[in-house]
Amino acid sequence: MSNLMSGAKMLLECLAREGVDIMFGYPGGVTLPFYDSLYDHEIKHILVRHEENACFAAEGYARTTGKVGVCCATSGPGATNLVTGLVDAMMDSIPIVALTGQVTSKLIGSDAFQEADTFGITRSCTKHNYLVKNIQELPGIIHEAFHIASTGRPGPVLVDIPKDVFQAQGHYAPVNSIHLPGYKLVTEGHSGQIRRAAQMIWEAKRPYIYAGGGVIASASHAELKELVEMVEAFFANTGAKFRHGGNRIEDCGKPTAADVDKEPASARHRKSCSRQRLPVAVVISIDGAAIYDDILPPTGFAGDGPAETYRKFLVPAGRHRIEARLRDSDRQQGYDYERSLDVDLAPLQNLAIDFRADQGGFLFR
């Protein structure tokens, strides 16, 4: 059974069926028919002071609730003000649906007042975008927009609606299924690529994992922490806080454990040793032969001792491979920090090596 209603009310019906309870926007001339219908509707509208704010607010709503955020803007400059937020949502994979008004269909392309090619402008900064040409296709497009925005890799979808489509009358029929032949979701990774990546990680001498928002989107906190600890990798994130449903990657207090701070490996090692106040084993080799192997006290790491330990070595002139390593003295295998350098020494030239506690590493000179 279908009901006769305006395009504006049809849009609200579609939003309600998609579970939208709040939206953000700034009204304009061509979107007034939509706002007239929204006035007494159950969907709550938050009035912003700039269209860009509406897009970012929809992003924040999507991040915190896990639902698709919705924003609305008028034609021309109203729609173009959304672009920064759309690019941000595209880069961060945030599911939002942006609704924009457009001039009457017969005026499109005529340089009418507050007309802009919203469809063309937003093509590169959205996962998909639509220009609604008649009221009959409006329900299908709205439901497709929500489906595309929230599935696969999430992202922004924009729907541009001319004023005459808002005002037109049509019969609304519920959309119960979405069929997009060209939209194929990849839900399983390529087994061959996964094996090659795993082999590269396993063979890495100092693996470093740089994780992003995909961990949040897939709720893979436990799996990431298990991987970091399994391969004894240093860890940093892109700035996204790994909190979702109460889950969080915790700092295990070791330089090889998951850590949410974006610190260099050497700095994190220095902080760990400072907490544990452990002596540090330092080994320096020239051309594969160890010339220095000693235990340094933890005072240098704690900040209450000398800032550096300085050593000079007499090395024959020529080209040499210098290697320096350190680890906690209670560990018998592996190293937490390594540095190597090829140097050309002139006759009678000494090799000086500084171990700088304040930098957590070595300086050759």
Protein backbone atom coordinates (compact mmCIF):
# COMPACT_ATOMS: atom_id res chain seq x y z
CA MET A 1 0.00 0.00 0.00
CA SER A 2 1.38 3.42 -0.95
CA ASN A 3 0.56 6.91 0.31
CA LEU A 4 0.42 10.19 -1.60
CA MET A 5 2.79 12.76 -0.10
CA SER A 6 5.19 15.52 -1.03
CA GLY A 7 8.85 14.87 -1.77
CA ALA A 8 9.82 16.59 1.50
CA LYS A 9 7.59 14.28 3.56
CA MET A 10 8.79 11.31 1.52
CA LEU A 11 12.37 12.19 2.44
CA LEU A 12 11.45 12.38 6.13
CA GLU A 13 9.74 9.00 5.91
CA CYS A 14 12.90 7.49 4.42
CA LEU A 15 15.06 9.04 7.15
CA ALA A 16 12.77 7.70 9.87
CA ARG A 17 12.91 4.19 8.35
CA GLU A 18 16.71 4.41 8.44
CA GLY A 19 16.59 5.08 12.18
CA VAL A 20 17.56 8.76 11.99
CA ASP A 21 16.60 10.55 15.21
CA ILE A 22 18.74 13.66 14.92
CA MET A 23 20.21 15.70 12.08
CA PHE A 24 22.29 18.86 11.73
CA GLY A 25 21.78 21.64 9.24
CA TYR A 26 21.31 25.24 8.18
CA PRO A 27 18.21 26.12 6.11
CA GLY A 28 18.11 28.07 2.86
CA GLY A 29 15.67 29.11 0.16
CA VAL A 30 15.44 25.85 -1.80
CA THR A 31 15.29 23.66 1.33
CA LEU A 32 12.39 25.57 2.95
CA PRO A 33 9.79 23.00 1.77
CA PHE A 34 11.78 20.32 3.57
CA TYR A 35 12.08 22.40 6.75
CA ASP A 36 8.33 23.15 6.67
CA SER A 37 7.67 19.40 6.82
CA LEU A 38 10.39 18.87 9.42
CA TYR A 39 8.81 21.42 11.77
CA ASP A 40 6.38 18.98 13.41
CA HIS A 41 8.27 15.75 12.72
CA GLU A 42 9.77 13.52 15.42
CA ILE A 43 13.30 13.84 13.96
CA LYS A 44 15.22 16.43 15.97
CA HIS A 45 17.08 19.12 14.03
CA ILE A 46 20.13 20.90 15.43
CA LEU A 47 20.58 24.36 13.91
CA VAL A 48 24.22 25.23 13.32
CA ARG A 49 25.75 28.58 12.40
CA HIS A 50 27.68 27.36 9.36
CA GLU A 51 27.14 24.41 7.03
CA GLU A 52 30.65 23.13 7.66
CA ASN A 53 29.71 22.77 11.33
CA ALA A 54 26.74 20.62 10.31
CA CYS A 55 29.01 18.19 8.47
CA PHE A 56 31.50 17.94 11.33
CA ALA A 57 28.66 17.53 13.84
CA ALA A 58 27.28 14.66 11.75
CA GLU A 59 30.77 13.14 11.81
CA GLY A 60 30.95 13.41 15.58
CA TYR A 61 27.51 11.83 15.90
CA ALA A 62 28.57 8.93 13.68
CA ARG A 63 31.82 8.42 15.60
CA THR A 64 30.11 8.30 19.00
CA THR A 65 26.97 6.32 18.13
CA GLY A 66 28.14 4.06 15.31
CA LYS A 67 25.11 5.19 13.26
CA VAL A 68 25.05 7.17 10.02
CA GLY A 69 25.25 10.92 10.64
CA VAL A 70 22.97 13.23 8.64
CA CYS A 71 23.51 16.88 7.69
CA CYS A 72 21.62 19.29 5.46
CA ALA A 73 22.52 22.43 3.53
CA THR A 74 20.97 24.63 0.88
CA SER A 75 22.12 25.06 -2.71
CA GLY A 76 25.15 26.96 -4.00
CA PRO A 77 27.38 28.29 -1.22
CA GLY A 78 25.53 26.22 1.36
CA ALA A 79 26.48 23.01 -0.42
CA THR A 80 30.05 24.08 -1.14
CA ASN A 81 30.56 24.86 2.57
CA LEU A 82 30.13 21.13 3.24
CA VAL A 83 33.16 20.15 1.17
CA THR A 84 35.77 20.35 3.95
CA GLY A 85 33.69 18.12 6.19
CA LEU A 86 33.04 15.68 3.35
CA VAL A 87 36.76 15.39 2.62
CA ASP A 88 37.44 14.77 6.31
CA ALA A 89 34.75 12.07 6.48
CA MET A 90 36.15 10.49 3.33
CA MET A 91 39.69 10.41 4.70
CA ASP A 92 38.58 9.07 8.11
CA SER A 93 35.97 6.63 6.71
CA ILE A 94 33.05 8.15 8.63
CA PRO A 95 29.51 7.20 7.48
CA ILE A 96 27.43 10.32 6.84
CA VAL A 97 24.66 11.24 4.43
CA ALA A 98 24.67 14.87 3.30
CA LEU A 99 21.41 16.27 1.93
CA THR A 100 21.69 19.40 -0.22
CA GLY A 101 19.06 21.49 -1.88
CA GLN A 102 19.32 22.43 -5.54
CA VAL A 103 17.58 25.00 -7.73
CA THR A 104 14.51 23.92 -9.67
CA SER A 105 15.33 21.22 -12.23
CA LYS A 106 14.62 23.41 -15.26
CA LEU A 107 17.08 26.06 -13.96
CA ILE A 108 20.03 23.71 -13.48
CA GLY A 109 22.87 24.85 -15.74
CA SER A 110 21.47 28.35 -16.29
CA ASP A 111 23.62 30.21 -13.71
CA ALA A 112 20.53 30.72 -11.55
CA PHE A 113 20.70 32.40 -8.15
CA GLN A 114 22.67 30.26 -5.66
CA GLU A 115 23.25 27.53 -8.21
CA ALA A 116 26.42 25.43 -8.14
CA ASP A 117 27.39 22.10 -9.67
CA THR A 118 27.16 20.28 -6.34
CA PHE A 119 27.15 16.88 -8.04
CA GLY A 120 30.39 17.62 -9.89
CA ILE A 121 32.09 19.43 -7.01
CA THR A 122 31.54 16.58 -4.52
CA ARG A 123 32.30 13.69 -6.87
CA SER A 124 35.90 13.37 -5.67
CA CYS A 125 35.22 13.89 -1.94
CA THR A 126 32.38 11.42 -1.43
CA LYS A 127 32.07 7.67 -1.57
CA HIS A 128 29.11 8.22 -3.91
CA ASN A 129 26.78 11.09 -4.79
CA TYR A 130 23.38 11.51 -6.42
CA LEU A 131 21.36 14.15 -8.22
CA VAL A 132 17.65 13.34 -7.81
CA LYS A 133 15.83 14.05 -11.08
CA ASN A 134 12.25 13.11 -10.15
CA ILE A 135 10.24 12.21 -7.09
CA GLN A 136 9.78 8.57 -8.10
CA GLU A 137 13.47 7.78 -7.61
CA LEU A 138 13.83 9.68 -4.32
CA PRO A 139 13.04 6.79 -1.88
CA GLY A 140 15.36 4.35 -3.60
CA ILE A 141 18.21 6.86 -3.71
CA ILE A 142 17.90 7.74 -0.01
CA HIS A 143 17.99 4.10 1.10
CA GLU A 144 20.87 3.36 -1.27
CA ALA A 145 22.77 6.33 0.18
CA PHE A 146 22.49 4.96 3.71
CA HIS A 147 23.47 1.49 2.54
CA ILE A 148 26.57 2.70 0.72
CA ALA A 149 27.62 5.04 3.54
CA SER A 150 27.47 2.35 6.22
CA THR A 151 28.76 -0.78 4.46
CA GLY A 152 32.22 -1.85 3.35
CA ARG A 153 34.64 0.95 4.07
CA PRO A 154 32.30 3.63 5.46
CA GLY A 155 32.25 7.09 3.96
CA PRO A 156 30.16 10.14 3.05
CA VAL A 157 27.36 10.02 0.48
CA LEU A 158 25.72 13.19 -0.85
CA VAL A 159 22.18 13.49 -2.23
CA ASP A 160 21.40 16.68 -4.20
CA ILE A 161 17.64 17.35 -4.35
CA PRO A 162 16.08 20.10 -6.54
CA LYS A 163 13.39 22.31 -5.02
CA ASP A 164 10.67 21.03 -7.37
CA VAL A 165 11.33 17.45 -6.15
CA PHE A 166 10.72 18.60 -2.55
CA GLN A 167 7.41 20.18 -3.66
CA ALA A 168 6.19 17.46 -6.03
CA GLN A 169 3.52 14.94 -5.00
CA GLY A 170 4.05 11.22 -5.35
CA HIS A 171 3.10 7.82 -3.96
CA TYR A 172 5.57 6.49 -1.44
CA ALA A 173 6.23 2.75 -1.49
CA PRO A 174 8.59 1.32 1.17
CA VAL A 175 11.92 0.05 -0.16
CA ASN A 176 12.59 -3.39 1.30
CA SER A 177 15.74 -4.41 -0.57
CA ILE A 178 18.79 -2.74 -2.10
CA HIS A 179 20.24 -4.08 -5.34
CA LEU A 180 23.40 -2.40 -6.61
CA PRO A 181 25.07 -4.58 -9.29
CA GLY A 182 28.24 -2.48 -9.41
CA TYR A 183 28.67 -2.24 -5.64
CA LYS A 184 30.43 -5.40 -4.46
CA LEU A 185 31.60 -5.67 -0.88
CA VAL A 186 34.88 -7.43 -0.13
CA THR A 187 34.51 -9.05 3.29
CA GLU A 188 37.51 -11.40 3.27
CA GLY A 189 41.16 -10.57 2.77
CA HIS A 190 43.30 -12.04 0.00
CA SER A 191 44.92 -15.10 1.57
CA GLY A 192 48.11 -14.82 -0.52
CA GLN A 193 48.63 -11.16 0.36
CA ILE A 194 47.97 -11.88 4.03
CA ARG A 195 50.59 -14.66 4.04
CA ARG A 196 53.17 -12.41 2.38
CA ALA A 197 52.47 -9.60 4.84
CA ALA A 198 52.73 -12.00 7.78
CA GLN A 199 56.05 -13.33 6.48
CA MET A 200 57.46 -9.79 6.11
CA ILE A 201 56.38 -8.87 9.64
CA TRP A 202 57.81 -12.07 11.08
CA GLU A 203 61.16 -11.56 9.36
CA ALA A 204 61.45 -7.88 10.33
CA LYS A 205 64.26 -7.12 12.77
CA ARG A 206 62.43 -4.21 14.38
CA PRO A 207 58.74 -4.39 13.41
CA TYR A 208 56.73 -1.22 13.93
CA ILE A 209 52.94 -1.22 13.70
CA TYR A 210 51.16 2.03 12.78
CA ALA A 211 47.42 1.48 13.26
CA GLY A 212 44.49 3.69 12.37
CA GLY A 213 40.73 4.09 12.60
CA GLY A 214 40.08 0.76 10.92
CA VAL A 215 40.82 -0.87 14.27
CA ILE A 216 37.93 1.08 15.76
CA ALA A 217 35.57 0.42 12.84
CA SER A 218 36.19 -3.33 13.04
CA ALA A 219 36.43 -3.49 16.87
CA SER A 220 39.75 -5.33 16.50
CA HIS A 221 41.43 -4.02 19.66
CA ALA A 222 42.12 -7.45 21.14
CA GLU A 223 43.49 -8.82 17.87
CA LEU A 224 45.80 -5.81 17.43
CA LYS A 225 47.16 -6.13 20.95
CA GLU A 226 47.74 -9.86 20.44
CA LEU A 227 49.64 -9.20 17.19
CA VAL A 228 51.80 -6.47 18.76
CA GLU A 229 52.81 -8.72 21.63
CA MET A 230 53.30 -11.79 19.42
CA VAL A 231 55.85 -10.14 17.13
CA GLU A 232 57.24 -7.87 19.88
CA ALA A 233 56.59 -4.77 17.80
CA PHE A 234 56.66 -1.14 18.74
CA PHE A 235 53.29 0.53 18.27
CA ALA A 236 51.75 3.90 17.48
CA ASN A 237 48.41 5.07 16.17
CA THR A 238 47.28 7.76 13.78
CA GLY A 239 45.74 9.86 16.54
CA ALA A 240 42.45 7.96 16.89
CA LYS A 241 41.81 6.95 20.49
CA PHE A 242 41.23 3.22 20.60
CA ARG A 243 38.09 3.32 22.72
CA HIS A 244 34.95 1.59 21.52
CA GLY A 245 32.37 -0.11 23.73
CA GLY A 246 34.72 0.07 26.70
CA ASN A 247 37.63 -1.59 24.90
CA ARG A 248 41.07 -0.06 24.93
CA ILE A 249 44.59 -1.07 24.13
CA GLU A 250 46.47 -0.71 27.40
CA ASP A 251 50.14 0.07 27.92
CA CYS A 252 51.76 -3.10 29.28
CA GLY A 253 54.79 -1.28 30.65
CA LYS A 254 57.36 -2.80 28.26
CA PRO A 255 58.87 -1.32 25.11
CA THR A 256 57.46 -4.22 23.07
CA ALA A 257 53.87 -3.87 24.31
CA ALA A 258 51.02 -1.90 22.78
CA ASP A 259 51.19 1.79 23.60
CA VAL A 260 48.79 4.54 22.59
CA ASP A 261 51.47 7.28 22.75
CA LYS A 262 53.00 8.39 19.47
CA GLU A 263 56.62 8.18 20.65
CA PRO A 264 59.82 7.05 18.97
CA ALA A 265 60.87 3.54 19.91
CA SER A 266 64.00 4.79 21.65
CA ALA A 267 62.01 7.27 23.74
CA ARG A 268 59.55 4.59 24.80
CA HIS A 269 62.45 2.28 25.73
CA ARG A 270 64.01 5.05 27.83
CA LYS A 271 60.70 5.64 29.63
CA SER A 272 60.27 1.92 30.29
CA CYS A 273 63.79 1.55 31.73
CA SER A 274 63.24 4.66 33.84
CA ARG A 275 60.11 3.13 35.36
CA GLN A 276 61.76 -0.21 36.04
CA ARG A 277 65.21 1.27 36.96
CA LEU A 278 67.04 -1.60 35.29
CA PRO A 279 70.72 -1.57 34.33
CA VAL A 280 71.30 -1.48 30.59
CA ALA A 281 73.59 -3.79 28.62
CA VAL A 282 75.52 -1.95 25.88
CA VAL A 283 77.48 -3.77 23.14
CA ILE A 284 79.58 -1.95 20.50
CA SER A 285 81.12 -3.87 17.59
CA ILE A 286 83.59 -2.93 14.87
CA ASP A 287 83.38 -5.04 11.72
CA GLY A 288 81.50 -7.73 13.64
CA ALA A 289 83.96 -7.92 16.56
CA ALA A 290 82.79 -6.64 19.95
CA ILE A 291 85.11 -3.96 21.34
CA TYR A 292 82.86 -2.87 24.20
CA ASP A 293 80.44 -4.98 26.26
CA ASP A 294 79.39 -3.57 29.61
CA ILE A 295 76.49 -2.88 31.95
CA LEU A 296 75.55 0.75 32.50
CA PRO A 297 73.73 1.78 35.72
CA PRO A 298 70.10 2.96 35.44
CA THR A 299 70.87 6.43 36.82
CA GLY A 300 71.36 7.81 33.36
CA PHE A 301 67.87 6.77 32.34
CA ALA A 302 66.21 8.01 35.52
CA GLY A 303 67.38 11.56 35.00
CA ASP A 304 69.27 11.77 38.31
CA GLY A 305 72.68 10.78 36.93
CA PRO A 306 75.06 11.78 34.13
CA ALA A 307 73.38 12.75 30.88
CA GLU A 308 75.72 10.69 28.73
CA THR A 309 78.42 8.03 28.77
CA TYR A 310 81.34 8.86 26.48
CA ARG A 311 83.84 6.36 25.03
CA LYS A 312 86.80 6.71 22.63
CA PHE A 313 88.17 3.83 20.56
CA LEU A 314 91.37 3.51 18.56
CA VAL A 315 90.43 2.01 15.20
CA PRO A 316 92.68 1.44 12.15
CA ALA A 317 92.23 3.78 9.22
CA GLY A 318 89.85 2.66 6.48
CA ARG A 319 86.18 1.83 6.04
CA HIS A 320 84.49 0.09 8.97
CA ARG A 321 81.06 -1.11 9.96
CA ILE A 322 80.13 0.21 13.42
CA GLU A 323 77.23 -1.42 15.31
CA ALA A 324 75.81 -0.41 18.70
CA ARG A 325 73.09 -2.26 20.61
CA LEU A 326 71.40 -2.01 23.98
CA ARG A 327 68.91 -4.04 26.00
CA ASP A 328 67.69 -4.43 29.58
CA SER A 329 70.43 -6.26 31.46
CA ASP A 330 68.06 -8.93 32.78
CA ARG A 331 67.32 -10.14 29.23
CA GLN A 332 69.69 -12.69 27.76
CA GLN A 333 68.60 -12.51 24.10
CA GLY A 334 67.53 -9.85 21.63
CA TYR A 335 68.02 -6.10 21.69
CA ASP A 336 65.62 -3.22 22.26
CA TYR A 337 67.62 -0.67 20.27
CA GLU A 338 70.18 -1.05 17.49
CA ARG A 339 72.06 1.36 15.28
CA SER A 340 74.69 0.72 12.61
CA LEU A 341 76.83 3.00 10.46
CA ASP A 342 79.53 2.69 7.80
CA VAL A 343 82.40 5.12 8.45
CA ASP A 344 85.65 6.05 6.68
CA LEU A 345 88.41 6.83 9.18
CA ALA A 346 91.53 8.78 8.28
CA PRO A 347 94.94 7.76 9.70
CA LEU A 348 95.34 8.60 13.40
CA GLN A 349 91.64 9.49 13.63
CA ASN A 350 89.81 8.26 16.73
CA LEU A 351 86.24 6.97 16.80
CA ALA A 352 84.15 8.56 19.56
CA ILE A 353 80.79 7.12 20.55
CA ASP A 354 78.36 8.86 22.92
CA PHE A 355 75.57 6.97 24.61
CA ARG A 356 73.00 9.68 25.35
CA ALA A 357 70.42 8.80 27.97
CA ASP A 358 68.36 11.88 27.20
CA GLN A 359 67.94 10.68 23.59
CA GLY A 360 67.85 6.95 24.25
CA GLY A 361 70.41 6.16 21.57
CA PHE A 362 73.96 6.45 20.19
CA LEU A 363 75.85 9.26 18.52
CA PHE A 364 78.91 8.46 16.40
CA ARG A 365 81.52 11.14 15.78
